[in-house]
């Protein structure tokens, strides 16, 4: 298996542009293989999760994707680390593939995706 291959857990949330409350949320396990840049990651998420179809279902039209890694910490809190560049993706991917309970949080804003 390639060094950047595996399955990551994700929380996908959809937000309307004028609201801080998600109107749709689901979890998914997303296979990752040879996804080497943040741009490639976003394209993979759109294709694998069928985000265009989900956005159309909710009448969203165009949407933006924000990708974050959630890292749990003591006391039930967590930190979010944005994944905006290829370098950030390469830095965060090992944490997503190990057993540290990190998640990917993807926001599709009007939509979000979060990895854990």
PDB file of N, CA and C in Angstrom:
ATOM      1  N   UNK A   1       0.853  -1.176   0.000  1.00  0.00           N
ATOM      2  CA  UNK A   1       0.000   0.000   0.000  1.00  0.00           C
ATOM      3  C   UNK A   1       0.893   1.232   0.000  1.00  0.00           C
ATOM      4  N   UNK A   2       0.528   2.256  -0.752  1.00  0.00           N
ATOM      5  CA  UNK A   2       1.309   3.493  -0.821  1.00  0.00           C
ATOM      6  C   UNK A   2       1.313   4.187   0.533  1.00  0.00           C
ATOM      7  N   UNK A   3       2.334   4.997   0.746  1.00  0.00           N
ATOM      8  CA  UNK A   3       2.474   5.694   2.020  1.00  0.00           C
ATOM      9  C   UNK A   3       1.300   6.627   2.296  1.00  0.00           C
ATOM     10  N   UNK A   4       0.668   7.136   1.250  1.00  0.00           N
ATOM     11  CA  UNK A   4      -0.453   8.052   1.456  1.00  0.00           C
ATOM     12  C   UNK A   4      -1.782   7.379   1.134  1.00  0.00           C
ATOM     13  N   UNK A   5      -1.883   6.088   1.378  1.00  0.00           N
ATOM     14  CA  UNK A   5      -3.122   5.365   1.089  1.00  0.00           C
ATOM     15  C   UNK A   5      -3.745   4.871   2.389  1.00  0.00           C
ATOM     16  N   UNK A   6      -5.042   4.790   2.394  1.00  0.00           N
ATOM     17  CA  UNK A   6      -5.776   4.299   3.545  1.00  0.00           C
ATOM     18  C   UNK A   6      -7.203   4.796   3.491  1.00  0.00           C
ATOM     19  N   UNK A   7      -7.887   4.671   4.607  1.00  0.00           N
ATOM     20  CA  UNK A   7      -9.263   5.131   4.716  1.00  0.00           C
ATOM     21  C   UNK A   7      -9.324   6.114   5.878  1.00  0.00           C
ATOM     22  N   UNK A   8      -9.944   7.261   5.643  1.00  0.00           N
ATOM     23  CA  UNK A   8     -10.114   8.235   6.717  1.00  0.00           C
ATOM     24  C   UNK A   8     -11.596   8.395   7.007  1.00  0.00           C
ATOM     25  N   UNK A   9     -11.899   8.685   8.255  1.00  0.00           N
ATOM     26  CA  UNK A   9     -13.270   8.933   8.676  1.00  0.00           C
ATOM     27  C   UNK A   9     -13.555  10.421   8.471  1.00  0.00           C
ATOM     28  N   UNK A  10     -14.752  10.732   8.037  1.00  0.00           N
ATOM     29  CA  UNK A  10     -15.101  12.131   7.776  1.00  0.00           C
ATOM     30  C   UNK A  10     -16.489  12.449   8.290  1.00  0.00           C
ATOM     31  N   UNK A  11     -16.645  13.685   8.718  1.00  0.00           N
ATOM     32  CA  UNK A  11     -17.952  14.257   9.029  1.00  0.00           C
ATOM     33  C   UNK A  11     -18.197  15.304   7.949  1.00  0.00           C
ATOM     34  N   UNK A  12     -19.316  15.194   7.281  1.00  0.00           N
ATOM     35  CA  UNK A  12     -19.650  16.142   6.225  1.00  0.00           C
ATOM     36  C   UNK A  12     -20.823  16.984   6.711  1.00  0.00           C
ATOM     37  N   UNK A  13     -20.659  18.297   6.628  1.00  0.00           N
ATOM     38  CA  UNK A  13     -21.713  19.207   7.083  1.00  0.00           C
ATOM     39  C   UNK A  13     -22.032  20.206   5.982  1.00  0.00           C
ATOM     40  N   UNK A  14     -23.295  20.510   5.831  1.00  0.00           N
ATOM     41  CA  UNK A  14     -23.740  21.512   4.869  1.00  0.00           C
ATOM     42  C   UNK A  14     -24.299  22.710   5.623  1.00  0.00           C
ATOM     43  N   UNK A  15     -23.861  23.891   5.222  1.00  0.00           N
ATOM     44  CA  UNK A  15     -24.294  25.147   5.827  1.00  0.00           C
ATOM     45  C   UNK A  15     -24.848  26.063   4.746  1.00  0.00           C
ATOM     46  N   UNK A  16     -25.822  26.844   5.100  1.00  0.00           N
ATOM     47  CA  UNK A  16     -26.249  27.925   4.217  1.00  0.00           C
ATOM     48  C   UNK A  16     -25.292  29.084   4.473  1.00  0.00           C
ATOM     49  N   UNK A  17     -25.092  29.899   3.474  1.00  0.00           N
ATOM     50  CA  UNK A  17     -24.080  30.949   3.544  1.00  0.00           C
ATOM     51  C   UNK A  17     -24.354  31.952   4.669  1.00  0.00           C
ATOM     52  N   UNK A  18     -25.610  32.115   5.054  1.00  0.00           N
ATOM     53  CA  UNK A  18     -25.978  33.105   6.066  1.00  0.00           C
ATOM     54  C   UNK A  18     -26.230  32.482   7.445  1.00  0.00           C
ATOM     55  N   UNK A  19     -25.749  31.244   7.670  1.00  0.00           N
ATOM     56  CA  UNK A  19     -26.031  30.559   8.928  1.00  0.00           C
ATOM     57  C   UNK A  19     -24.800  29.832   9.455  1.00  0.00           C
ATOM     58  N   UNK A  20     -24.690  29.768  10.785  1.00  0.00           N
ATOM     59  CA  UNK A  20     -23.623  29.013  11.432  1.00  0.00           C
ATOM     60  C   UNK A  20     -24.072  27.604  11.815  1.00  0.00           C
ATOM     61  N   UNK A  21     -25.331  27.275  11.571  1.00  0.00           N
ATOM     62  CA  UNK A  21     -25.869  25.964  11.913  1.00  0.00           C
ATOM     63  C   UNK A  21     -25.948  25.081  10.678  1.00  0.00           C
ATOM     64  N   UNK A  22     -25.402  23.868  10.805  1.00  0.00           N
ATOM     65  CA  UNK A  22     -25.470  22.918   9.695  1.00  0.00           C
ATOM     66  C   UNK A  22     -26.904  22.440   9.528  1.00  0.00           C
ATOM     67  N   UNK A  23     -27.382  22.378   8.283  1.00  0.00           N
ATOM     68  CA  UNK A  23     -28.732  21.871   8.048  1.00  0.00           C
ATOM     69  C   UNK A  23     -28.712  20.416   7.602  1.00  0.00           C
ATOM     70  N   UNK A  24     -27.530  19.876   7.302  1.00  0.00           N
ATOM     71  CA  UNK A  24     -27.385  18.466   6.953  1.00  0.00           C
ATOM     72  C   UNK A  24     -26.022  18.009   7.428  1.00  0.00           C
ATOM     73  N   UNK A  25     -25.956  16.780   7.953  1.00  0.00           N
ATOM     74  CA  UNK A  25     -24.705  16.257   8.497  1.00  0.00           C
ATOM     75  C   UNK A  25     -24.717  14.751   8.338  1.00  0.00           C
ATOM     76  N   UNK A  26     -23.569  14.200   7.900  1.00  0.00           N
ATOM     77  CA  UNK A  26     -23.439  12.752   7.861  1.00  0.00           C
ATOM     78  C   UNK A  26     -21.977  12.361   7.995  1.00  0.00           C
ATOM     79  N   UNK A  27     -21.752  11.109   8.356  1.00  0.00           N
ATOM     80  CA  UNK A  27     -20.397  10.564   8.483  1.00  0.00           C
ATOM     81  C   UNK A  27     -20.121   9.642   7.307  1.00  0.00           C
ATOM     82  N   UNK A  28     -18.842   9.555   6.959  1.00  0.00           N
ATOM     83  CA  UNK A  28     -18.454   8.673   5.874  1.00  0.00           C
ATOM     84  C   UNK A  28     -17.032   8.181   6.111  1.00  0.00           C
ATOM     85  N   UNK A  29     -16.689   7.068   5.503  1.00  0.00           N
ATOM     86  CA  UNK A  29     -15.320   6.567   5.472  1.00  0.00           C
ATOM     87  C   UNK A  29     -14.863   6.723   4.036  1.00  0.00           C
ATOM     88  N   UNK A  30     -13.780   7.461   3.851  1.00  0.00           N
ATOM     89  CA  UNK A  30     -13.342   7.832   2.512  1.00  0.00           C
ATOM     90  C   UNK A  30     -11.997   7.203   2.198  1.00  0.00           C
ATOM     91  N   UNK A  31     -11.928   6.399   1.128  1.00  0.00           N
ATOM     92  CA  UNK A  31     -10.637   5.815   0.743  1.00  0.00           C
ATOM     93  C   UNK A  31      -9.733   6.896   0.151  1.00  0.00           C
ATOM     94  N   UNK A  32      -8.482   6.889   0.578  1.00  0.00           N
ATOM     95  CA  UNK A  32      -7.493   7.844   0.095  1.00  0.00           C
ATOM     96  C   UNK A  32      -6.354   7.046  -0.523  1.00  0.00           C
ATOM     97  N   UNK A  33      -6.080   7.313  -1.785  1.00  0.00           N
ATOM     98  CA  UNK A  33      -4.948   6.665  -2.443  1.00  0.00           C
ATOM     99  C   UNK A  33      -4.404   7.635  -3.479  1.00  0.00           C
ATOM    100  N   UNK A  34      -3.158   7.998  -3.324  1.00  0.00           N
ATOM    101  CA  UNK A  34      -2.496   8.901  -4.264  1.00  0.00           C
ATOM    102  C   UNK A  34      -3.234  10.219  -4.438  1.00  0.00           C
ATOM    103  N   UNK A  35      -3.789  10.750  -3.358  1.00  0.00           N
ATOM    104  CA  UNK A  35      -4.369  12.094  -3.356  1.00  0.00           C
ATOM    105  C   UNK A  35      -3.299  12.979  -2.730  1.00  0.00           C
ATOM    106  N   UNK A  36      -2.550  13.698  -3.588  1.00  0.00           N
ATOM    107  CA  UNK A  36      -1.327  14.358  -3.132  1.00  0.00           C
ATOM    108  C   UNK A  36      -1.433  15.863  -2.929  1.00  0.00           C
ATOM    109  N   UNK A  37      -2.536  16.484  -3.322  1.00  0.00           N
ATOM    110  CA  UNK A  37      -2.676  17.931  -3.154  1.00  0.00           C
ATOM    111  C   UNK A  37      -4.040  18.243  -2.564  1.00  0.00           C
ATOM    112  N   UNK A  38      -4.177  19.454  -2.017  1.00  0.00           N
ATOM    113  CA  UNK A  38      -5.464  19.873  -1.465  1.00  0.00           C
ATOM    114  C   UNK A  38      -6.513  19.960  -2.582  1.00  0.00           C
ATOM    115  N   UNK A  39      -6.111  20.404  -3.753  1.00  0.00           N
ATOM    116  CA  UNK A  39      -7.032  20.488  -4.889  1.00  0.00           C
ATOM    117  C   UNK A  39      -7.532  19.090  -5.286  1.00  0.00           C
ATOM    118  N   UNK A  40      -6.596  18.129  -5.359  1.00  0.00           N
ATOM    119  CA  UNK A  40      -6.977  16.751  -5.692  1.00  0.00           C
ATOM    120  C   UNK A  40      -7.890  16.170  -4.619  1.00  0.00           C
ATOM    121  N   UNK A  41      -7.637  16.514  -3.355  1.00  0.00           N
ATOM    122  CA  UNK A  41      -8.492  16.053  -2.258  1.00  0.00           C
ATOM    123  C   UNK A  41      -9.919  16.552  -2.448  1.00  0.00           C
ATOM    124  N   UNK A  42     -10.075  17.830  -2.733  1.00  0.00           N
ATOM    125  CA  UNK A  42     -11.418  18.386  -2.906  1.00  0.00           C
ATOM    126  C   UNK A  42     -12.141  17.733  -4.088  1.00  0.00           C
ATOM    127  N   UNK A  43     -11.435  17.507  -5.188  1.00  0.00           N
ATOM    128  CA  UNK A  43     -12.040  16.836  -6.340  1.00  0.00           C
ATOM    129  C   UNK A  43     -12.456  15.411  -5.967  1.00  0.00           C
ATOM    130  N   UNK A  44     -11.604  14.734  -5.191  1.00  0.00           N
ATOM    131  CA  UNK A  44     -11.911  13.371  -4.749  1.00  0.00           C
ATOM    132  C   UNK A  44     -13.161  13.364  -3.863  1.00  0.00           C
ATOM    133  N   UNK A  45     -13.278  14.328  -2.953  1.00  0.00           N
ATOM    134  CA  UNK A  45     -14.447  14.413  -2.076  1.00  0.00           C
ATOM    135  C   UNK A  45     -15.726  14.629  -2.879  1.00  0.00           C
ATOM    136  N   UNK A  46     -15.671  15.530  -3.848  1.00  0.00           N
ATOM    137  CA  UNK A  46     -16.845  15.810  -4.673  1.00  0.00           C
ATOM    138  C   UNK A  46     -17.289  14.542  -5.394  1.00  0.00           C
ATOM    139  N   UNK A  47     -16.318  13.824  -5.976  1.00  0.00           N
ATOM    140  CA  UNK A  47     -16.656  12.614  -6.731  1.00  0.00           C
ATOM    141  C   UNK A  47     -17.112  11.482  -5.819  1.00  0.00           C
ATOM    142  N   UNK A  48     -16.341  11.183  -4.767  1.00  0.00           N
ATOM    143  CA  UNK A  48     -16.637  10.029  -3.924  1.00  0.00           C
ATOM    144  C   UNK A  48     -17.937  10.208  -3.145  1.00  0.00           C
ATOM    145  N   UNK A  49     -18.157  11.392  -2.595  1.00  0.00           N
ATOM    146  CA  UNK A  49     -19.339  11.633  -1.770  1.00  0.00           C
ATOM    147  C   UNK A  49     -20.560  12.067  -2.580  1.00  0.00           C
ATOM    148  N   UNK A  50     -20.378  12.309  -3.876  1.00  0.00           N
ATOM    149  CA  UNK A  50     -21.502  12.752  -4.705  1.00  0.00           C
ATOM    150  C   UNK A  50     -22.020  14.112  -4.277  1.00  0.00           C
ATOM    151  N   UNK A  51     -21.087  15.016  -3.965  1.00  0.00           N
ATOM    152  CA  UNK A  51     -21.483  16.306  -3.390  1.00  0.00           C
ATOM    153  C   UNK A  51     -22.283  17.187  -4.347  1.00  0.00           C
ATOM    154  N   UNK A  52     -22.029  17.083  -5.642  1.00  0.00           N
ATOM    155  CA  UNK A  52     -22.818  17.884  -6.586  1.00  0.00           C
ATOM    156  C   UNK A  52     -24.285  17.474  -6.519  1.00  0.00           C
ATOM    157  N   UNK A  53     -24.521  16.167  -6.422  1.00  0.00           N
ATOM    158  CA  UNK A  53     -25.892  15.679  -6.343  1.00  0.00           C
ATOM    159  C   UNK A  53     -26.550  16.087  -5.025  1.00  0.00           C
ATOM    160  N   UNK A  54     -25.790  15.992  -3.923  1.00  0.00           N
ATOM    161  CA  UNK A  54     -26.335  16.383  -2.616  1.00  0.00           C
ATOM    162  C   UNK A  54     -26.646  17.882  -2.607  1.00  0.00           C
ATOM    163  N   UNK A  55     -25.733  18.690  -3.151  1.00  0.00           N
ATOM    164  CA  UNK A  55     -25.963  20.138  -3.213  1.00  0.00           C
ATOM    165  C   UNK A  55     -27.199  20.455  -4.050  1.00  0.00           C
ATOM    166  N   UNK A  56     -27.350  19.766  -5.163  1.00  0.00           N
ATOM    167  CA  UNK A  56     -28.518  19.973  -6.022  1.00  0.00           C
ATOM    168  C   UNK A  56     -29.800  19.599  -5.275  1.00  0.00           C
ATOM    169  N   UNK A  57     -29.748  18.506  -4.506  1.00  0.00           N
ATOM    170  CA  UNK A  57     -30.910  18.050  -3.732  1.00  0.00           C
ATOM    171  C   UNK A  57     -31.401  19.132  -2.776  1.00  0.00           C
ATOM    172  N   UNK A  58     -30.447  19.881  -2.189  1.00  0.00           N
ATOM    173  CA  UNK A  58     -30.807  20.934  -1.233  1.00  0.00           C
ATOM    174  C   UNK A  58     -30.903  22.307  -1.876  1.00  0.00           C
ATOM    175  N   UNK A  59     -30.813  22.367  -3.198  1.00  0.00           N
ATOM    176  CA  UNK A  59     -30.964  23.631  -3.903  1.00  0.00           C
ATOM    177  C   UNK A  59     -29.804  24.592  -3.713  1.00  0.00           C
ATOM    178  N   UNK A  60     -28.595  24.068  -3.509  1.00  0.00           N
ATOM    179  CA  UNK A  60     -27.455  24.943  -3.230  1.00  0.00           C
ATOM    180  C   UNK A  60     -26.780  25.491  -4.482  1.00  0.00           C
ATOM    181  N   UNK A  61     -26.828  24.785  -5.583  1.00  0.00           N
ATOM    182  CA  UNK A  61     -26.090  25.246  -6.752  1.00  0.00           C
ATOM    183  C   UNK A  61     -24.600  25.131  -6.493  1.00  0.00           C
ATOM    184  N   UNK A  62     -23.857  26.210  -6.712  1.00  0.00           N
ATOM    185  CA  UNK A  62     -22.418  26.197  -6.457  1.00  0.00           C
ATOM    186  C   UNK A  62     -22.152  26.109  -4.959  1.00  0.00           C
ATOM    187  N   UNK A  63     -21.008  25.507  -4.608  1.00  0.00           N
ATOM    188  CA  UNK A  63     -20.636  25.429  -3.201  1.00  0.00           C
ATOM    189  C   UNK A  63     -19.124  25.481  -3.071  1.00  0.00           C
ATOM    190  N   UNK A  64     -18.681  25.894  -1.901  1.00  0.00           N
ATOM    191  CA  UNK A  64     -17.264  25.913  -1.558  1.00  0.00           C
ATOM    192  C   UNK A  64     -17.009  24.800  -0.571  1.00  0.00           C
ATOM    193  N   UNK A  65     -15.808  24.240  -0.617  1.00  0.00           N
ATOM    194  CA  UNK A  65     -15.428  23.182   0.305  1.00  0.00           C
ATOM    195  C   UNK A  65     -14.324  23.688   1.214  1.00  0.00           C
ATOM    196  N   UNK A  66     -14.525  23.525   2.507  1.00  0.00           N
ATOM    197  CA  UNK A  66     -13.487  23.804   3.493  1.00  0.00           C
ATOM    198  C   UNK A  66     -13.160  22.481   4.159  1.00  0.00           C
ATOM    199  N   UNK A  67     -11.874  22.157   4.243  1.00  0.00           N
ATOM    200  CA  UNK A  67     -11.459  20.884   4.821  1.00  0.00           C
ATOM    201  C   UNK A  67     -10.616  21.157   6.053  1.00  0.00           C
ATOM    202  N   UNK A  68     -10.955  20.484   7.153  1.00  0.00           N
ATOM    203  CA  UNK A  68     -10.234  20.637   8.406  1.00  0.00           C
ATOM    204  C   UNK A  68      -9.982  19.272   9.020  1.00  0.00           C
ATOM    205  N   UNK A  69      -8.946  19.196   9.859  1.00  0.00           N
ATOM    206  CA  UNK A  69      -8.734  17.996  10.661  1.00  0.00           C
ATOM    207  C   UNK A  69      -9.110  18.344  12.090  1.00  0.00           C
ATOM    208  N   UNK A  70      -9.930  17.503  12.702  1.00  0.00           N
ATOM    209  CA  UNK A  70     -10.307  17.668  14.106  1.00  0.00           C
ATOM    210  C   UNK A  70      -9.369  16.803  14.930  1.00  0.00           C
ATOM    211  N   UNK A  71      -8.750  17.400  15.929  1.00  0.00           N
ATOM    212  CA  UNK A  71      -7.877  16.660  16.836  1.00  0.00           C
ATOM    213  C   UNK A  71      -8.440  16.776  18.250  1.00  0.00           C
ATOM    214  N   UNK A  72      -8.943  15.674  18.803  1.00  0.00           N
ATOM    215  CA  UNK A  72      -9.485  15.720  20.162  1.00  0.00           C
ATOM    216  C   UNK A  72      -8.396  16.043  21.176  1.00  0.00           C
ATOM    217  N   UNK A  73      -8.780  16.740  22.235  1.00  0.00           N
ATOM    218  CA  UNK A  73      -7.851  17.004  23.330  1.00  0.00           C
ATOM    219  C   UNK A  73      -8.585  16.804  24.649  1.00  0.00           C
ATOM    220  N   UNK A  74      -7.860  16.886  25.720  1.00  0.00           N
ATOM    221  CA  UNK A  74      -8.424  16.611  27.047  1.00  0.00           C
ATOM    222  C   UNK A  74      -9.630  17.498  27.325  1.00  0.00           C
ATOM    223  N   UNK A  75     -10.553  16.986  28.096  1.00  0.00           N
ATOM    224  CA  UNK A  75     -11.718  17.746  28.502  1.00  0.00           C
ATOM    225  C   UNK A  75     -12.836  17.754  27.475  1.00  0.00           C
ATOM    226  N   UNK A  76     -12.760  16.903  26.465  1.00  0.00           N
ATOM    227  CA  UNK A  76     -13.825  16.827  25.482  1.00  0.00           C
ATOM    228  C   UNK A  76     -13.780  17.897  24.407  1.00  0.00           C
ATOM    229  N   UNK A  77     -12.810  18.771  24.463  1.00  0.00           N
ATOM    230  CA  UNK A  77     -12.660  19.811  23.442  1.00  0.00           C
ATOM    231  C   UNK A  77     -11.885  19.250  22.262  1.00  0.00           C
ATOM    232  N   UNK A  78     -11.781  20.020  21.191  1.00  0.00           N
ATOM    233  CA  UNK A  78     -10.974  19.602  20.053  1.00  0.00           C
ATOM    234  C   UNK A  78     -10.424  20.827  19.342  1.00  0.00           C
ATOM    235  N   UNK A  79      -9.338  20.606  18.606  1.00  0.00           N
ATOM    236  CA  UNK A  79      -8.745  21.646  17.775  1.00  0.00           C
ATOM    237  C   UNK A  79      -9.073  21.330  16.323  1.00  0.00           C
ATOM    238  N   UNK A  80      -9.269  22.370  15.515  1.00  0.00           N
ATOM    239  CA  UNK A  80      -9.468  22.215  14.075  1.00  0.00           C
ATOM    240  C   UNK A  80      -8.255  22.768  13.354  1.00  0.00           C
ATOM    241  N   UNK A  81      -7.728  21.998  12.412  1.00  0.00           N
ATOM    242  CA  UNK A  81      -6.593  22.420  11.620  1.00  0.00           C
ATOM    243  C   UNK A  81      -7.019  22.462  10.160  1.00  0.00           C
ATOM    244  N   UNK A  82      -6.991  23.652   9.556  1.00  0.00           N
ATOM    245  CA  UNK A  82      -7.409  23.816   8.164  1.00  0.00           C
ATOM    246  C   UNK A  82      -6.434  23.129   7.231  1.00  0.00           C
ATOM    247  N   UNK A  83      -6.978  22.577   6.162  1.00  0.00           N
ATOM    248  CA  UNK A  83      -6.182  21.951   5.109  1.00  0.00           C
ATOM    249  C   UNK A  83      -6.485  22.713   3.821  1.00  0.00           C
ATOM    250  N   UNK A  84      -5.628  23.696   3.518  1.00  0.00           N
ATOM    251  CA  UNK A  84      -5.846  24.555   2.355  1.00  0.00           C
ATOM    252  C   UNK A  84      -4.815  24.366   1.256  1.00  0.00           C
ATOM    253  N   UNK A  85      -3.657  23.835   1.592  1.00  0.00           N
ATOM    254  CA  UNK A  85      -2.575  23.707   0.615  1.00  0.00           C
ATOM    255  C   UNK A  85      -2.093  22.260   0.552  1.00  0.00           C
ATOM    256  N   UNK A  86      -1.344  21.956  -0.482  1.00  0.00           N
ATOM    257  CA  UNK A  86      -0.757  20.629  -0.613  1.00  0.00           C
ATOM    258  C   UNK A  86       0.178  20.308   0.537  1.00  0.00           C
ATOM    259  N   UNK A  87       0.935  21.300   0.997  1.00  0.00           N
ATOM    260  CA  UNK A  87       1.847  21.084   2.125  1.00  0.00           C
ATOM    261  C   UNK A  87       1.073  20.755   3.401  1.00  0.00           C
ATOM    262  N   UNK A  88      -0.054  21.455   3.637  1.00  0.00           N
ATOM    263  CA  UNK A  88      -0.873  21.154   4.814  1.00  0.00           C
ATOM    264  C   UNK A  88      -1.465  19.747   4.702  1.00  0.00           C
ATOM    265  N   UNK A  89      -1.894  19.359   3.507  1.00  0.00           N
ATOM    266  CA  UNK A  89      -2.447  18.030   3.296  1.00  0.00           C
ATOM    267  C   UNK A  89      -1.402  16.969   3.612  1.00  0.00           C
ATOM    268  N   UNK A  90      -0.177  17.157   3.112  1.00  0.00           N
ATOM    269  CA  UNK A  90       0.904  16.197   3.371  1.00  0.00           C
ATOM    270  C   UNK A  90       1.231  16.134   4.855  1.00  0.00           C
ATOM    271  N   UNK A  91       1.132  17.259   5.551  1.00  0.00           N
ATOM    272  CA  UNK A  91       1.406  17.307   6.989  1.00  0.00           C
ATOM    273  C   UNK A  91       0.298  16.609   7.788  1.00  0.00           C
ATOM    274  N   UNK A  92      -0.951  16.810   7.419  1.00  0.00           N
ATOM    275  CA  UNK A  92      -2.084  16.284   8.186  1.00  0.00           C
ATOM    276  C   UNK A  92      -2.436  14.838   7.851  1.00  0.00           C
ATOM    277  N   UNK A  93      -2.144  14.375   6.632  1.00  0.00           N
ATOM    278  CA  UNK A  93      -2.555  13.038   6.224  1.00  0.00           C
ATOM    279  C   UNK A  93      -2.082  11.927   7.154  1.00  0.00           C
ATOM    280  N   UNK A  94      -0.814  11.914   7.613  1.00  0.00           N
ATOM    281  CA  UNK A  94      -0.414  10.830   8.534  1.00  0.00           C
ATOM    282  C   UNK A  94      -1.266  10.778   9.802  1.00  0.00           C
ATOM    283  N   UNK A  95      -1.685  11.940  10.321  1.00  0.00           N
ATOM    284  CA  UNK A  95      -2.540  11.967  11.508  1.00  0.00           C
ATOM    285  C   UNK A  95      -3.919  11.397  11.216  1.00  0.00           C
ATOM    286  N   UNK A  96      -4.380  11.559   9.985  1.00  0.00           N
ATOM    287  CA  UNK A  96      -5.697  11.037   9.614  1.00  0.00           C
ATOM    288  C   UNK A  96      -5.670   9.533   9.405  1.00  0.00           C
ATOM    289  N   UNK A  97      -4.517   8.995   9.012  1.00  0.00           N
ATOM    290  CA  UNK A  97      -4.416   7.569   8.717  1.00  0.00           C
ATOM    291  C   UNK A  97      -4.006   6.733   9.922  1.00  0.00           C
ATOM    292  N   UNK A  98      -3.526   7.373  11.006  1.00  0.00           N
ATOM    293  CA  UNK A  98      -3.136   6.595  12.190  1.00  0.00           C
ATOM    294  C   UNK A  98      -4.340   6.417  13.111  1.00  0.00           C
ATOM    295  N   UNK A  99      -4.125   5.887  14.280  1.00  0.00           N
ATOM    296  CA  UNK A  99      -5.226   5.610  15.210  1.00  0.00           C
ATOM    297  C   UNK A  99      -5.355   6.645  16.313  1.00  0.00           C
ATOM    298  N   UNK A 100      -5.106   7.931  16.026  1.00  0.00           N
ATOM    299  CA  UNK A 100      -5.161   8.956  17.066  1.00  0.00           C
ATOM    300  C   UNK A 100      -6.543   9.564  17.235  1.00  0.00           C
ATOM    301  N   UNK A 101      -7.537   9.009  16.555  1.00  0.00           N
ATOM    302  CA  UNK A 101      -8.913   9.516  16.625  1.00  0.00           C
ATOM    303  C   UNK A 101      -9.070  10.877  15.973  1.00  0.00           C
ATOM    304  N   UNK A 102      -8.154  11.262  15.080  1.00  0.00           N
ATOM    305  CA  UNK A 102      -8.340  12.486  14.311  1.00  0.00           C
ATOM    306  C   UNK A 102      -9.411  12.225  13.264  1.00  0.00           C
ATOM    307  N   UNK A 103     -10.170  13.265  12.929  1.00  0.00           N
ATOM    308  CA  UNK A 103     -11.210  13.163  11.921  1.00  0.00           C
ATOM    309  C   UNK A 103     -11.015  14.271  10.901  1.00  0.00           C
ATOM    310  N   UNK A 104     -11.530  14.059   9.712  1.00  0.00           N
ATOM    311  CA  UNK A 104     -11.574  15.133   8.738  1.00  0.00           C
ATOM    312  C   UNK A 104     -12.952  15.758   8.805  1.00  0.00           C
ATOM    313  N   UNK A 105     -12.967  17.054   8.860  1.00  0.00           N
ATOM    314  CA  UNK A 105     -14.213  17.800   8.922  1.00  0.00           C
ATOM    315  C   UNK A 105     -14.309  18.604   7.647  1.00  0.00           C
ATOM    316  N   UNK A 106     -15.241  18.291   6.787  1.00  0.00           N
ATOM    317  CA  UNK A 106     -15.384  19.017   5.534  1.00  0.00           C
ATOM    318  C   UNK A 106     -16.630  19.866   5.580  1.00  0.00           C
ATOM    319  N   UNK A 107     -16.462  21.106   5.275  1.00  0.00           N
ATOM    320  CA  UNK A 107     -17.581  22.024   5.278  1.00  0.00           C
ATOM    321  C   UNK A 107     -17.899  22.407   3.855  1.00  0.00           C
ATOM    322  N   UNK A 108     -19.081  22.166   3.438  1.00  0.00           N
ATOM    323  CA  UNK A 108     -19.496  22.564   2.113  1.00  0.00           C
ATOM    324  C   UNK A 108     -20.388  23.756   2.351  1.00  0.00           C
ATOM    325  N   UNK A 109     -19.815  24.889   2.066  1.00  0.00           N
ATOM    326  CA  UNK A 109     -20.425  26.095   2.529  1.00  0.00           C
ATOM    327  C   UNK A 109     -20.862  26.858   1.333  1.00  0.00           C
ATOM    328  N   UNK A 110     -21.570  27.195   1.392  1.00  0.00           N
ATOM    329  CA  UNK A 110     -22.869  26.841   1.608  1.00  0.00           C
ATOM    330  C   UNK A 110     -22.656  25.393   1.978  1.00  0.00           C
ATOM    331  N   UNK A 111     -21.280  24.844   2.099  1.00  0.00           N
ATOM    332  CA  UNK A 111     -21.090  23.480   2.514  1.00  0.00           C
ATOM    333  C   UNK A 111     -19.739  23.212   3.211  1.00  0.00           C
ATOM    334  N   UNK A 112     -19.307  21.851   4.516  1.00  0.00           N
ATOM    335  CA  UNK A 112     -18.029  21.522   5.219  1.00  0.00           C
ATOM    336  C   UNK A 112     -17.758  20.009   5.322  1.00  0.00           C
ATOM    337  N   UNK A 113     -16.380  19.532   5.224  1.00  0.00           N
ATOM    338  CA  UNK A 113     -16.005  18.101   5.452  1.00  0.00           C
ATOM    339  C   UNK A 113     -14.943  18.012   6.539  1.00  0.00           C
ATOM    340  N   UNK A 114     -15.169  17.217   7.555  1.00  0.00           N
ATOM    341  CA  UNK A 114     -14.231  17.143   8.672  1.00  0.00           C
ATOM    342  C   UNK A 114     -13.710  15.723   8.827  1.00  0.00           C
ATOM    343  N   UNK A 115     -12.410  15.585   8.915  1.00  0.00           N
ATOM    344  CA  UNK A 115     -11.785  14.270   9.049  1.00  0.00           C
ATOM    345  C   UNK A 115     -11.463  14.027  10.503  1.00  0.00           C
ATOM    346  N   UNK A 116     -11.620  12.804  10.937  1.00  0.00           N
ATOM    347  CA  UNK A 116     -11.314  12.461  12.330  1.00  0.00           C
ATOM    348  C   UNK A 116     -10.592  11.159  12.425  1.00  0.00           C
TER     349      UNK A 116
END
